[in-house]
């Protein structure tokens, strides 16, 4: 073993001792565990938010559907239109519709070209 190898080995041993005896090592490990715990909590919270958003969307759709049914049963045309517009439009795959109205039925009624909403 050359003297350079001996010096490197000595320095490595010194470094290992410093790392082993480092007073901040425990703090670093504790912080690493805390960061991992927070990461897991964030993942769980994100999953919960996604579930709640899905349930909220289902509830909103149910409310709109029930409002429409009640409006049909009572004959309240304006309530039916309001409930339909609240849902954005009638197409399930469309979140919101900036209605593009045109006249149909000899100009007596209007329909949205995009979502098919009639009024």
N, C-alpha and C. Protein backbone atom coordinates (compact mmCIF):
# COMPACT_ATOMS: atom_id res chain seq x y z
N UNK A 1 0.86 -1.16 0.00
CA UNK A 1 0.00 0.00 0.00
C UNK A 1 0.90 1.22 0.00
N UNK A 2 0.63 2.14 -0.91
CA UNK A 2 1.45 3.35 -1.00
C UNK A 2 1.02 4.33 0.08
N UNK A 3 1.85 5.33 0.28
CA UNK A 3 1.55 6.33 1.30
C UNK A 3 0.29 7.11 0.92
N UNK A 4 0.07 7.30 -0.39
CA UNK A 4 -1.16 7.98 -0.81
C UNK A 4 -2.39 7.17 -0.42
N UNK A 5 -2.31 5.86 -0.64
CA UNK A 5 -3.43 5.00 -0.26
C UNK A 5 -3.66 5.04 1.24
N UNK A 6 -2.60 5.07 2.01
CA UNK A 6 -2.70 5.13 3.46
C UNK A 6 -3.36 6.44 3.89
N UNK A 7 -2.97 7.53 3.26
CA UNK A 7 -3.55 8.84 3.60
C UNK A 7 -5.03 8.85 3.25
N UNK A 8 -5.38 8.31 2.08
CA UNK A 8 -6.79 8.28 1.67
C UNK A 8 -7.59 7.40 2.62
N UNK A 9 -7.03 6.27 2.99
CA UNK A 9 -7.72 5.38 3.92
C UNK A 9 -7.91 6.05 5.27
N UNK A 10 -6.88 6.75 5.75
CA UNK A 10 -6.95 7.47 7.02
C UNK A 10 -8.06 8.53 6.94
N UNK A 11 -8.08 9.30 5.84
CA UNK A 11 -9.09 10.36 5.69
C UNK A 11 -10.51 9.77 5.59
N UNK A 12 -10.62 8.65 4.92
CA UNK A 12 -11.93 8.00 4.84
C UNK A 12 -12.40 7.54 6.23
N UNK A 13 -11.48 6.99 7.00
CA UNK A 13 -11.83 6.57 8.36
C UNK A 13 -12.24 7.77 9.21
N UNK A 14 -11.51 8.88 9.07
CA UNK A 14 -11.85 10.09 9.81
C UNK A 14 -13.26 10.58 9.40
N UNK A 15 -13.53 10.55 8.12
CA UNK A 15 -14.83 10.98 7.61
C UNK A 15 -15.95 10.07 8.13
N UNK A 16 -15.70 8.77 8.12
CA UNK A 16 -16.70 7.82 8.65
C UNK A 16 -16.98 8.09 10.12
N UNK A 17 -15.93 8.37 10.89
CA UNK A 17 -16.12 8.67 12.32
C UNK A 17 -16.93 9.95 12.50
N UNK A 18 -16.64 10.95 11.68
CA UNK A 18 -17.38 12.21 11.80
C UNK A 18 -18.86 12.00 11.45
N UNK A 19 -19.10 11.20 10.42
CA UNK A 19 -20.48 10.94 10.04
C UNK A 19 -21.21 10.15 11.12
N UNK A 20 -20.49 9.18 11.70
CA UNK A 20 -21.09 8.36 12.74
C UNK A 20 -21.38 9.19 13.99
N UNK A 21 -20.48 10.09 14.32
CA UNK A 21 -20.62 10.89 15.53
C UNK A 21 -21.28 12.25 15.28
N UNK A 22 -21.79 12.45 14.08
CA UNK A 22 -22.38 13.74 13.72
C UNK A 22 -23.63 14.01 14.57
N UNK A 23 -23.65 15.11 15.32
CA UNK A 23 -24.81 15.41 16.17
C UNK A 23 -26.06 15.75 15.34
N UNK A 24 -25.87 16.11 14.08
CA UNK A 24 -27.02 16.48 13.25
C UNK A 24 -27.60 15.30 12.48
N UNK A 25 -26.93 14.16 12.57
CA UNK A 25 -27.38 12.99 11.83
C UNK A 25 -28.79 12.60 12.25
N UNK A 26 -29.05 12.56 13.52
CA UNK A 26 -30.37 12.18 14.04
C UNK A 26 -31.43 13.18 13.58
N UNK A 27 -31.07 14.48 13.62
CA UNK A 27 -32.02 15.49 13.16
C UNK A 27 -32.34 15.30 11.68
N UNK A 28 -31.33 15.01 10.88
CA UNK A 28 -31.53 14.80 9.45
C UNK A 28 -32.43 13.58 9.20
N UNK A 29 -32.18 12.52 9.95
CA UNK A 29 -33.01 11.33 9.80
C UNK A 29 -34.45 11.62 10.20
N UNK A 30 -34.62 12.35 11.32
CA UNK A 30 -35.96 12.70 11.77
C UNK A 30 -36.68 13.57 10.74
N UNK A 31 -35.97 14.53 10.17
CA UNK A 31 -36.56 15.38 9.15
C UNK A 31 -36.93 14.57 7.90
N UNK A 32 -36.08 13.63 7.53
CA UNK A 32 -36.36 12.79 6.37
C UNK A 32 -37.64 11.97 6.60
N UNK A 33 -37.80 11.44 7.82
CA UNK A 33 -39.01 10.68 8.15
C UNK A 33 -40.24 11.60 8.13
N UNK A 34 -40.08 12.81 8.65
CA UNK A 34 -41.20 13.75 8.67
C UNK A 34 -41.61 14.15 7.24
N UNK A 35 -40.61 14.38 6.39
CA UNK A 35 -40.90 14.73 5.00
C UNK A 35 -41.64 13.57 4.32
N UNK A 36 -41.20 12.35 4.56
CA UNK A 36 -41.87 11.18 3.97
C UNK A 36 -43.29 11.07 4.48
N UNK A 37 -43.49 11.32 5.78
CA UNK A 37 -44.83 11.27 6.35
C UNK A 37 -45.73 12.33 5.73
N UNK A 38 -45.21 13.54 5.58
CA UNK A 38 -45.99 14.62 4.96
C UNK A 38 -46.32 14.30 3.51
N UNK A 39 -45.37 13.69 2.82
CA UNK A 39 -45.60 13.29 1.42
C UNK A 39 -46.75 12.28 1.36
N UNK A 40 -46.76 11.31 2.27
CA UNK A 40 -47.83 10.31 2.31
C UNK A 40 -49.17 10.96 2.64
N UNK A 41 -49.16 11.90 3.58
CA UNK A 41 -50.39 12.60 3.95
C UNK A 41 -50.94 13.39 2.76
N UNK A 42 -50.06 14.03 2.03
CA UNK A 42 -50.46 14.80 0.86
C UNK A 42 -51.07 13.89 -0.21
N UNK A 43 -50.46 12.75 -0.42
CA UNK A 43 -50.98 11.78 -1.39
C UNK A 43 -52.38 11.32 -0.97
N UNK A 44 -52.53 11.01 0.33
CA UNK A 44 -53.83 10.57 0.83
C UNK A 44 -54.88 11.68 0.72
N UNK A 45 -54.48 12.91 1.04
CA UNK A 45 -55.41 14.04 0.95
C UNK A 45 -55.81 14.30 -0.50
N UNK A 46 -54.87 14.19 -1.41
CA UNK A 46 -55.18 14.39 -2.82
C UNK A 46 -56.17 13.35 -3.32
N UNK A 47 -55.99 12.13 -2.87
CA UNK A 47 -56.91 11.06 -3.25
C UNK A 47 -58.30 11.33 -2.69
N UNK A 48 -58.36 11.79 -1.45
CA UNK A 48 -59.64 12.11 -0.82
C UNK A 48 -60.32 13.26 -1.54
N UNK A 49 -59.57 14.28 -1.91
CA UNK A 49 -60.13 15.42 -2.64
C UNK A 49 -60.72 14.94 -3.96
N UNK A 50 -60.04 14.07 -4.65
CA UNK A 50 -60.55 13.55 -5.92
C UNK A 50 -61.86 12.78 -5.71
N UNK A 51 -61.92 11.97 -4.66
CA UNK A 51 -63.15 11.23 -4.35
C UNK A 51 -64.29 12.18 -4.03
N UNK A 52 -64.01 13.19 -3.20
CA UNK A 52 -65.05 14.15 -2.83
C UNK A 52 -65.53 14.96 -4.02
N UNK A 53 -64.61 15.32 -4.91
CA UNK A 53 -64.98 16.06 -6.12
C UNK A 53 -65.90 15.21 -6.99
N UNK A 54 -65.59 13.94 -7.10
CA UNK A 54 -66.43 13.04 -7.88
C UNK A 54 -67.82 12.93 -7.27
N UNK A 55 -67.89 12.78 -5.94
CA UNK A 55 -69.18 12.70 -5.26
C UNK A 55 -69.96 14.00 -5.40
N UNK A 56 -69.28 15.14 -5.35
CA UNK A 56 -69.93 16.43 -5.52
C UNK A 56 -70.51 16.56 -6.92
N UNK A 57 -69.77 16.13 -7.92
CA UNK A 57 -70.27 16.17 -9.30
C UNK A 57 -71.52 15.30 -9.45
N UNK A 58 -71.49 14.13 -8.85
CA UNK A 58 -72.65 13.24 -8.90
C UNK A 58 -73.84 13.90 -8.21
N UNK A 59 -73.61 14.51 -7.05
CA UNK A 59 -74.68 15.19 -6.31
C UNK A 59 -75.25 16.35 -7.11
N UNK A 60 -74.36 17.14 -7.71
CA UNK A 60 -74.82 18.27 -8.52
C UNK A 60 -75.69 17.78 -9.68
N UNK A 61 -75.24 16.72 -10.35
CA UNK A 61 -76.02 16.18 -11.46
C UNK A 61 -77.37 15.66 -10.99
N UNK A 62 -77.40 15.05 -9.80
CA UNK A 62 -78.66 14.55 -9.25
C UNK A 62 -79.60 15.69 -8.93
N UNK A 63 -79.08 16.76 -8.33
CA UNK A 63 -79.91 17.92 -8.02
C UNK A 63 -80.50 18.52 -9.30
N UNK A 64 -79.69 18.68 -10.31
CA UNK A 64 -80.18 19.25 -11.57
C UNK A 64 -81.24 18.33 -12.18
N UNK A 65 -80.99 17.03 -12.16
CA UNK A 65 -81.95 16.07 -12.72
C UNK A 65 -83.27 16.15 -11.97
N UNK A 66 -83.21 16.23 -10.62
CA UNK A 66 -84.43 16.31 -9.82
C UNK A 66 -85.16 17.63 -10.06
N UNK A 67 -84.41 18.72 -10.20
CA UNK A 67 -85.05 20.01 -10.51
C UNK A 67 -85.78 19.94 -11.84
N UNK A 68 -85.15 19.30 -12.81
CA UNK A 68 -85.79 19.16 -14.13
C UNK A 68 -87.06 18.32 -14.02
N UNK A 69 -86.99 17.21 -13.30
CA UNK A 69 -88.15 16.34 -13.15
C UNK A 69 -89.29 17.08 -12.46
N UNK A 70 -88.98 17.83 -11.40
CA UNK A 70 -90.01 18.60 -10.70
C UNK A 70 -90.60 19.65 -11.62
N UNK A 71 -89.75 20.31 -12.38
CA UNK A 71 -90.23 21.34 -13.31
C UNK A 71 -91.13 20.71 -14.37
N UNK A 72 -90.78 19.52 -14.85
CA UNK A 72 -91.63 18.84 -15.84
C UNK A 72 -92.99 18.51 -15.24
N UNK A 73 -92.96 17.96 -14.00
CA UNK A 73 -94.21 17.56 -13.35
C UNK A 73 -95.11 18.75 -13.05
N UNK A 74 -94.51 19.87 -12.68
CA UNK A 74 -95.31 21.05 -12.35
C UNK A 74 -95.58 21.92 -13.56
N UNK A 75 -94.92 21.64 -14.68
CA UNK A 75 -95.12 22.44 -15.87
C UNK A 75 -94.41 23.78 -15.83
N UNK A 76 -93.46 23.91 -14.95
CA UNK A 76 -92.72 25.17 -14.81
C UNK A 76 -91.59 25.21 -15.84
N UNK A 77 -91.86 25.79 -16.98
CA UNK A 77 -90.90 25.82 -18.09
C UNK A 77 -89.66 26.62 -17.72
N UNK A 78 -89.84 27.76 -17.05
CA UNK A 78 -88.69 28.59 -16.69
C UNK A 78 -87.76 27.86 -15.72
N UNK A 79 -88.33 27.15 -14.76
CA UNK A 79 -87.50 26.37 -13.82
C UNK A 79 -86.73 25.29 -14.58
N UNK A 80 -87.38 24.66 -15.57
CA UNK A 80 -86.70 23.65 -16.37
C UNK A 80 -85.52 24.27 -17.11
N UNK A 81 -85.75 25.43 -17.70
CA UNK A 81 -84.67 26.12 -18.42
C UNK A 81 -83.56 26.51 -17.46
N UNK A 82 -83.93 27.04 -16.29
CA UNK A 82 -82.91 27.43 -15.29
C UNK A 82 -82.10 26.23 -14.84
N UNK A 83 -82.76 25.12 -14.58
CA UNK A 83 -82.05 23.91 -14.14
C UNK A 83 -81.14 23.40 -15.24
N UNK A 84 -81.59 23.46 -16.47
CA UNK A 84 -80.78 23.00 -17.60
C UNK A 84 -79.55 23.89 -17.78
N UNK A 85 -79.75 25.20 -17.67
CA UNK A 85 -78.62 26.12 -17.82
C UNK A 85 -77.65 26.00 -16.66
N UNK A 86 -78.15 25.68 -15.47
CA UNK A 86 -77.27 25.51 -14.32
C UNK A 86 -76.31 24.35 -14.56
N UNK A 87 -76.79 23.33 -15.24
CA UNK A 87 -75.94 22.16 -15.48
C UNK A 87 -74.90 22.44 -16.56
N UNK A 88 -74.95 23.61 -17.18
CA UNK A 88 -74.01 23.95 -18.23
C UNK A 88 -74.61 23.68 -19.57
N UNK A 89 -75.08 22.47 -19.78
CA UNK A 89 -75.82 22.11 -20.98
C UNK A 89 -76.28 20.68 -20.82
N UNK A 90 -76.91 20.15 -21.87
CA UNK A 90 -77.47 18.81 -21.76
C UNK A 90 -76.48 17.73 -22.08
N UNK A 91 -75.42 18.02 -22.74
CA UNK A 91 -74.43 17.00 -23.07
C UNK A 91 -73.62 16.64 -21.85
N UNK A 92 -73.48 15.36 -21.58
CA UNK A 92 -72.75 14.91 -20.40
C UNK A 92 -71.26 15.22 -20.47
N UNK A 93 -70.71 15.26 -21.68
CA UNK A 93 -69.27 15.44 -21.83
C UNK A 93 -68.86 16.90 -21.87
N UNK A 94 -69.79 17.82 -21.70
CA UNK A 94 -69.48 19.24 -21.76
C UNK A 94 -69.67 19.85 -20.38
N UNK A 95 -68.67 20.53 -19.89
CA UNK A 95 -68.76 21.15 -18.56
C UNK A 95 -69.59 22.42 -18.59
N UNK A 96 -69.31 23.29 -19.51
CA UNK A 96 -70.04 24.53 -19.64
C UNK A 96 -70.23 24.80 -21.12
N UNK A 97 -71.29 25.54 -21.43
CA UNK A 97 -71.54 25.84 -22.82
C UNK A 97 -71.82 27.33 -22.95
N UNK A 98 -71.09 27.99 -23.80
CA UNK A 98 -71.42 29.36 -24.19
C UNK A 98 -72.37 29.20 -25.36
N UNK A 99 -73.65 29.19 -25.05
CA UNK A 99 -74.67 28.82 -26.01
C UNK A 99 -74.58 29.64 -27.30
N UNK A 100 -74.75 28.94 -28.40
CA UNK A 100 -74.79 29.55 -29.73
C UNK A 100 -76.19 29.28 -30.26
N UNK A 101 -77.11 30.21 -29.99
CA UNK A 101 -78.53 30.01 -30.28
C UNK A 101 -78.83 30.17 -31.77
N UNK A 102 -79.81 29.39 -32.23
CA UNK A 102 -80.38 29.58 -33.56
C UNK A 102 -81.87 29.25 -33.48
N UNK A 103 -82.64 29.82 -34.40
CA UNK A 103 -84.07 29.57 -34.44
C UNK A 103 -84.36 28.31 -35.23
N UNK A 104 -85.29 27.53 -34.72
CA UNK A 104 -85.77 26.35 -35.44
C UNK A 104 -87.29 26.32 -35.27
N UNK A 105 -87.93 25.37 -35.83
CA UNK A 105 -89.38 25.25 -35.69
C UNK A 105 -90.07 26.51 -36.21
N UNK A 106 -89.71 26.91 -37.42
CA UNK A 106 -90.27 28.09 -38.09
C UNK A 106 -90.05 29.36 -37.28
N UNK A 107 -88.92 29.43 -36.58
CA UNK A 107 -88.54 30.65 -35.87
C UNK A 107 -89.25 30.87 -34.55
N UNK A 108 -90.05 29.91 -34.09
CA UNK A 108 -90.77 30.08 -32.83
C UNK A 108 -89.93 29.68 -31.63
N UNK A 109 -88.97 28.81 -31.81
CA UNK A 109 -88.16 28.31 -30.70
C UNK A 109 -86.69 28.46 -31.04
N UNK A 110 -85.86 28.41 -29.98
CA UNK A 110 -84.42 28.50 -30.17
C UNK A 110 -83.75 27.26 -29.62
N UNK A 111 -82.59 26.92 -30.24
CA UNK A 111 -81.80 25.78 -29.78
C UNK A 111 -80.33 26.15 -29.88
N UNK A 112 -79.54 25.64 -28.92
CA UNK A 112 -78.10 25.86 -28.94
C UNK A 112 -77.48 24.90 -29.95
N UNK A 113 -76.65 25.43 -30.83
CA UNK A 113 -75.97 24.60 -31.83
C UNK A 113 -74.97 23.65 -31.19
N UNK A 114 -74.43 24.06 -30.03
CA UNK A 114 -73.36 23.29 -29.39
C UNK A 114 -73.90 22.14 -28.54
N UNK A 115 -74.90 22.44 -27.69
CA UNK A 115 -75.32 21.42 -26.72
C UNK A 115 -76.75 20.94 -26.92
N UNK A 116 -77.51 21.62 -27.76
CA UNK A 116 -78.87 21.17 -28.04
C UNK A 116 -79.92 21.69 -27.07
N UNK A 117 -79.55 22.59 -26.17
CA UNK A 117 -80.51 23.17 -25.23
C UNK A 117 -81.54 23.96 -26.00
N UNK A 118 -82.81 23.75 -25.66
CA UNK A 118 -83.89 24.46 -26.34
C UNK A 118 -84.50 25.47 -25.39
N UNK A 119 -84.97 26.58 -26.01
CA UNK A 119 -85.76 27.54 -25.23
C UNK A 119 -86.68 28.31 -26.13
